[in-house]
């Protein structure tokens, strides 16, 4: 099913962000309406052996993605508590803003 260009439903979820403990997807709606792109990067679980590599690559390229008008949001099924523990215990994951 192709969802490119479709409106994504609003989400308010527990999260680890620089904006607080709740992530609100509608914060990005105005940016999208102005032509900015949002990349939702879904991965299965924290503390896995593949995900840090992919997330680290995104972190390394984050500034470049922002420069071309994109914002990156990473999402998994783990809780905010697990995200925080992974962030605190992995040098690769700690690079993520």
N, C-alpha and C. Protein backbone atom coordinates (compact mmCIF):
# COMPACT_ATOMS: atom_id res chain seq x y z
N UNK A 1 0.85 -1.17 0.00
CA UNK A 1 0.00 0.00 0.00
C UNK A 1 0.90 1.24 0.00
N UNK A 2 0.73 2.11 -0.96
CA UNK A 2 1.53 3.33 -1.06
C UNK A 2 0.88 4.44 -0.24
N UNK A 3 1.66 5.00 0.68
CA UNK A 3 1.15 6.07 1.53
C UNK A 3 1.91 7.38 1.31
N UNK A 4 2.83 7.39 0.37
CA UNK A 4 3.60 8.60 0.09
C UNK A 4 2.63 9.70 -0.32
N UNK A 5 2.76 10.85 0.32
CA UNK A 5 1.89 11.98 0.00
C UNK A 5 0.57 11.98 0.73
N UNK A 6 0.28 10.93 1.49
CA UNK A 6 -0.97 10.88 2.25
C UNK A 6 -0.78 11.50 3.62
N UNK A 7 -1.85 11.99 4.20
CA UNK A 7 -1.78 12.59 5.53
C UNK A 7 -1.66 11.47 6.57
N UNK A 8 -0.67 11.61 7.44
CA UNK A 8 -0.45 10.62 8.49
C UNK A 8 -1.29 11.02 9.70
N UNK A 9 -1.92 10.07 10.37
CA UNK A 9 -2.75 10.43 11.52
C UNK A 9 -1.90 11.01 12.65
N UNK A 10 -2.49 11.88 13.45
CA UNK A 10 -1.75 12.46 14.55
C UNK A 10 -1.44 11.39 15.59
N UNK A 11 -0.27 11.50 16.19
CA UNK A 11 0.14 10.59 17.25
C UNK A 11 0.61 11.40 18.44
N UNK A 12 0.17 11.04 19.61
CA UNK A 12 0.72 11.55 20.85
C UNK A 12 1.18 10.33 21.63
N UNK A 13 2.50 10.13 21.73
CA UNK A 13 3.04 8.94 22.37
C UNK A 13 4.18 9.31 23.32
N UNK A 14 4.41 8.45 24.31
CA UNK A 14 5.57 8.63 25.18
C UNK A 14 6.82 8.50 24.34
N UNK A 15 7.80 9.35 24.59
CA UNK A 15 8.99 9.36 23.75
C UNK A 15 10.17 9.97 24.48
N UNK A 16 11.32 9.84 23.86
CA UNK A 16 12.53 10.52 24.32
C UNK A 16 12.86 11.53 23.22
N UNK A 17 12.59 12.80 23.47
CA UNK A 17 12.85 13.84 22.47
C UNK A 17 13.45 15.07 23.14
N UNK A 18 13.97 15.98 22.32
CA UNK A 18 14.45 17.24 22.88
C UNK A 18 13.30 18.21 23.13
N UNK A 19 12.08 17.77 22.82
CA UNK A 19 10.89 18.61 23.03
C UNK A 19 10.10 18.16 24.26
N UNK A 20 10.59 17.14 24.97
CA UNK A 20 9.89 16.67 26.15
C UNK A 20 9.67 15.17 26.12
N UNK A 21 8.74 14.73 26.95
CA UNK A 21 8.50 13.29 27.11
C UNK A 21 7.36 12.76 26.26
N UNK A 22 6.73 13.63 25.48
CA UNK A 22 5.64 13.19 24.60
C UNK A 22 5.96 13.65 23.18
N UNK A 23 5.78 12.75 22.25
CA UNK A 23 5.98 13.07 20.85
C UNK A 23 4.63 13.34 20.21
N UNK A 24 4.51 14.46 19.53
CA UNK A 24 3.28 14.82 18.84
C UNK A 24 3.60 15.00 17.35
N UNK A 25 3.10 14.08 16.55
CA UNK A 25 3.40 14.13 15.12
C UNK A 25 2.88 15.40 14.47
N UNK A 26 1.76 15.95 14.99
CA UNK A 26 1.20 17.14 14.35
C UNK A 26 2.11 18.35 14.45
N UNK A 27 3.15 18.29 15.29
CA UNK A 27 4.14 19.37 15.35
C UNK A 27 4.79 19.55 13.97
N UNK A 28 4.89 18.47 13.21
CA UNK A 28 5.55 18.50 11.91
C UNK A 28 4.59 18.83 10.77
N UNK A 29 3.29 18.87 11.05
CA UNK A 29 2.31 19.11 9.98
C UNK A 29 2.53 20.45 9.28
N UNK A 30 2.79 21.49 10.03
CA UNK A 30 3.02 22.81 9.42
C UNK A 30 4.27 22.78 8.54
N UNK A 31 5.32 22.12 9.01
CA UNK A 31 6.54 22.02 8.22
C UNK A 31 6.28 21.26 6.92
N UNK A 32 5.51 20.19 6.99
CA UNK A 32 5.18 19.41 5.79
C UNK A 32 4.37 20.27 4.83
N UNK A 33 3.45 21.05 5.35
CA UNK A 33 2.64 21.92 4.50
C UNK A 33 3.49 22.97 3.79
N UNK A 34 4.66 23.27 4.34
CA UNK A 34 5.57 24.23 3.72
C UNK A 34 6.59 23.54 2.82
N UNK A 35 6.42 22.23 2.57
CA UNK A 35 7.29 21.52 1.66
C UNK A 35 8.40 20.70 2.30
N UNK A 36 8.50 20.72 3.61
CA UNK A 36 9.51 19.92 4.29
C UNK A 36 9.07 18.46 4.27
N UNK A 37 10.02 17.55 4.20
CA UNK A 37 9.74 16.12 4.19
C UNK A 37 9.99 15.55 5.58
N UNK A 38 9.22 14.54 5.95
CA UNK A 38 9.41 13.84 7.21
C UNK A 38 9.67 12.38 6.90
N UNK A 39 10.81 11.88 7.37
CA UNK A 39 11.18 10.49 7.19
C UNK A 39 10.89 9.76 8.49
N UNK A 40 9.89 8.87 8.47
CA UNK A 40 9.60 8.02 9.62
C UNK A 40 10.38 6.74 9.43
N UNK A 41 11.36 6.51 10.29
CA UNK A 41 12.20 5.33 10.20
C UNK A 41 11.74 4.33 11.26
N UNK A 42 11.13 3.25 10.81
CA UNK A 42 10.62 2.22 11.72
C UNK A 42 11.66 1.12 11.88
N UNK A 43 11.91 0.72 13.11
CA UNK A 43 12.80 -0.40 13.38
C UNK A 43 12.15 -1.27 14.45
N UNK A 44 12.52 -2.56 14.53
CA UNK A 44 11.75 -3.48 15.37
C UNK A 44 11.94 -3.28 16.87
N UNK A 45 13.13 -3.33 17.36
CA UNK A 45 13.37 -3.28 18.81
C UNK A 45 14.71 -2.62 19.11
N UNK A 46 14.80 -2.02 20.29
CA UNK A 46 16.07 -1.50 20.77
C UNK A 46 16.95 -2.68 21.20
N UNK A 47 18.23 -2.42 21.38
CA UNK A 47 19.21 -3.41 21.82
C UNK A 47 19.34 -4.58 20.85
N UNK A 48 19.07 -4.37 19.57
CA UNK A 48 19.31 -5.41 18.57
C UNK A 48 20.62 -5.11 17.86
N UNK A 49 21.16 -6.06 17.13
CA UNK A 49 22.48 -5.87 16.52
C UNK A 49 22.44 -5.12 15.20
N UNK A 50 21.31 -5.08 14.50
CA UNK A 50 21.24 -4.40 13.21
C UNK A 50 20.83 -2.94 13.38
N UNK A 51 19.87 -2.68 14.20
CA UNK A 51 19.32 -1.32 14.33
C UNK A 51 20.33 -0.24 14.68
N UNK A 52 21.32 -0.49 15.55
CA UNK A 52 22.26 0.60 15.85
C UNK A 52 23.02 1.07 14.62
N UNK A 53 23.34 0.15 13.73
CA UNK A 53 24.07 0.52 12.51
C UNK A 53 23.23 1.47 11.66
N UNK A 54 21.98 1.11 11.44
CA UNK A 54 21.09 1.95 10.62
C UNK A 54 20.81 3.28 11.30
N UNK A 55 20.53 3.25 12.59
CA UNK A 55 20.25 4.49 13.32
C UNK A 55 21.49 5.37 13.40
N UNK A 56 22.66 4.75 13.57
CA UNK A 56 23.90 5.51 13.59
C UNK A 56 24.17 6.19 12.25
N UNK A 57 23.89 5.49 11.16
CA UNK A 57 24.04 6.09 9.83
C UNK A 57 23.11 7.28 9.65
N UNK A 58 21.88 7.15 10.12
CA UNK A 58 20.95 8.28 10.04
C UNK A 58 21.44 9.45 10.89
N UNK A 59 21.96 9.15 12.07
CA UNK A 59 22.49 10.21 12.94
C UNK A 59 23.66 10.92 12.27
N UNK A 60 24.53 10.14 11.61
CA UNK A 60 25.68 10.74 10.92
C UNK A 60 25.25 11.63 9.76
N UNK A 61 24.11 11.34 9.17
CA UNK A 61 23.63 12.08 8.00
C UNK A 61 22.51 13.07 8.34
N UNK A 62 22.22 13.21 9.61
CA UNK A 62 21.08 14.04 10.04
C UNK A 62 21.19 15.48 9.55
N UNK A 63 22.35 16.09 9.72
CA UNK A 63 22.53 17.48 9.29
C UNK A 63 22.31 17.61 7.78
N UNK A 64 22.85 16.66 7.02
CA UNK A 64 22.69 16.69 5.56
C UNK A 64 21.21 16.54 5.18
N UNK A 65 20.50 15.66 5.88
CA UNK A 65 19.06 15.49 5.62
C UNK A 65 18.30 16.77 5.95
N UNK A 66 18.65 17.42 7.05
CA UNK A 66 18.01 18.69 7.39
C UNK A 66 18.31 19.75 6.32
N UNK A 67 19.53 19.75 5.81
CA UNK A 67 19.92 20.73 4.80
C UNK A 67 19.10 20.59 3.51
N UNK A 68 18.60 19.39 3.23
CA UNK A 68 17.78 19.21 2.02
C UNK A 68 16.28 19.25 2.35
N UNK A 69 15.96 19.70 3.58
CA UNK A 69 14.56 19.91 3.93
C UNK A 69 13.84 18.70 4.49
N UNK A 70 14.57 17.82 5.17
CA UNK A 70 13.94 16.63 5.73
C UNK A 70 14.15 16.57 7.24
N UNK A 71 13.20 15.99 7.92
CA UNK A 71 13.30 15.71 9.35
C UNK A 71 13.19 14.20 9.51
N UNK A 72 13.95 13.62 10.44
CA UNK A 72 13.97 12.18 10.66
C UNK A 72 13.37 11.87 12.02
N UNK A 73 12.46 10.91 12.03
CA UNK A 73 11.84 10.45 13.26
C UNK A 73 11.99 8.94 13.29
N UNK A 74 12.63 8.41 14.33
CA UNK A 74 12.78 6.96 14.44
C UNK A 74 11.75 6.41 15.42
N UNK A 75 11.19 5.26 15.06
CA UNK A 75 10.07 4.68 15.81
C UNK A 75 10.28 3.18 15.97
N UNK A 76 10.03 2.68 17.17
CA UNK A 76 9.99 1.23 17.38
C UNK A 76 8.84 0.92 18.33
N UNK A 77 8.68 -0.36 18.61
CA UNK A 77 7.60 -0.78 19.50
C UNK A 77 8.01 -0.78 20.96
N UNK A 78 9.27 -0.49 21.25
CA UNK A 78 9.72 -0.46 22.63
C UNK A 78 9.20 0.77 23.36
N UNK A 79 9.26 0.72 24.67
CA UNK A 79 8.77 1.84 25.50
C UNK A 79 9.82 2.95 25.56
N UNK A 80 9.40 4.09 26.01
CA UNK A 80 10.32 5.22 26.21
C UNK A 80 11.40 4.85 27.23
N UNK A 81 11.07 4.04 28.21
CA UNK A 81 12.06 3.62 29.21
C UNK A 81 13.17 2.79 28.57
N UNK A 82 12.81 1.90 27.66
CA UNK A 82 13.81 1.09 26.95
C UNK A 82 14.65 1.98 26.04
N UNK A 83 14.01 2.94 25.35
CA UNK A 83 14.76 3.88 24.50
C UNK A 83 15.81 4.62 25.33
N UNK A 84 15.41 5.09 26.49
CA UNK A 84 16.32 5.86 27.36
C UNK A 84 17.48 4.98 27.81
N UNK A 85 17.20 3.74 28.19
CA UNK A 85 18.27 2.84 28.62
C UNK A 85 19.24 2.58 27.47
N UNK A 86 18.73 2.38 26.26
CA UNK A 86 19.59 2.15 25.10
C UNK A 86 20.42 3.39 24.79
N UNK A 87 19.78 4.55 24.85
CA UNK A 87 20.46 5.82 24.60
C UNK A 87 21.61 6.02 25.61
N UNK A 88 21.35 5.68 26.86
CA UNK A 88 22.35 5.87 27.92
C UNK A 88 23.48 4.86 27.86
N UNK A 89 23.30 3.74 27.15
CA UNK A 89 24.28 2.65 27.18
C UNK A 89 24.92 2.35 25.83
N UNK A 90 24.65 3.13 24.81
CA UNK A 90 25.23 2.88 23.49
C UNK A 90 25.81 4.16 22.92
N UNK A 91 27.10 4.14 22.61
CA UNK A 91 27.72 5.32 21.99
C UNK A 91 27.09 5.66 20.66
N UNK A 92 26.74 4.64 19.88
CA UNK A 92 26.13 4.86 18.57
C UNK A 92 24.77 5.52 18.73
N UNK A 93 23.95 5.01 19.62
CA UNK A 93 22.60 5.54 19.80
C UNK A 93 22.66 6.92 20.47
N UNK A 94 23.66 7.16 21.29
CA UNK A 94 23.78 8.47 21.96
C UNK A 94 24.04 9.60 20.96
N UNK A 95 24.44 9.27 19.71
CA UNK A 95 24.65 10.31 18.68
C UNK A 95 23.32 10.87 18.17
N UNK A 96 22.24 10.15 18.41
CA UNK A 96 20.94 10.54 17.85
C UNK A 96 20.39 11.75 18.62
N UNK A 97 19.92 12.73 17.86
CA UNK A 97 19.31 13.91 18.46
C UNK A 97 17.80 13.76 18.43
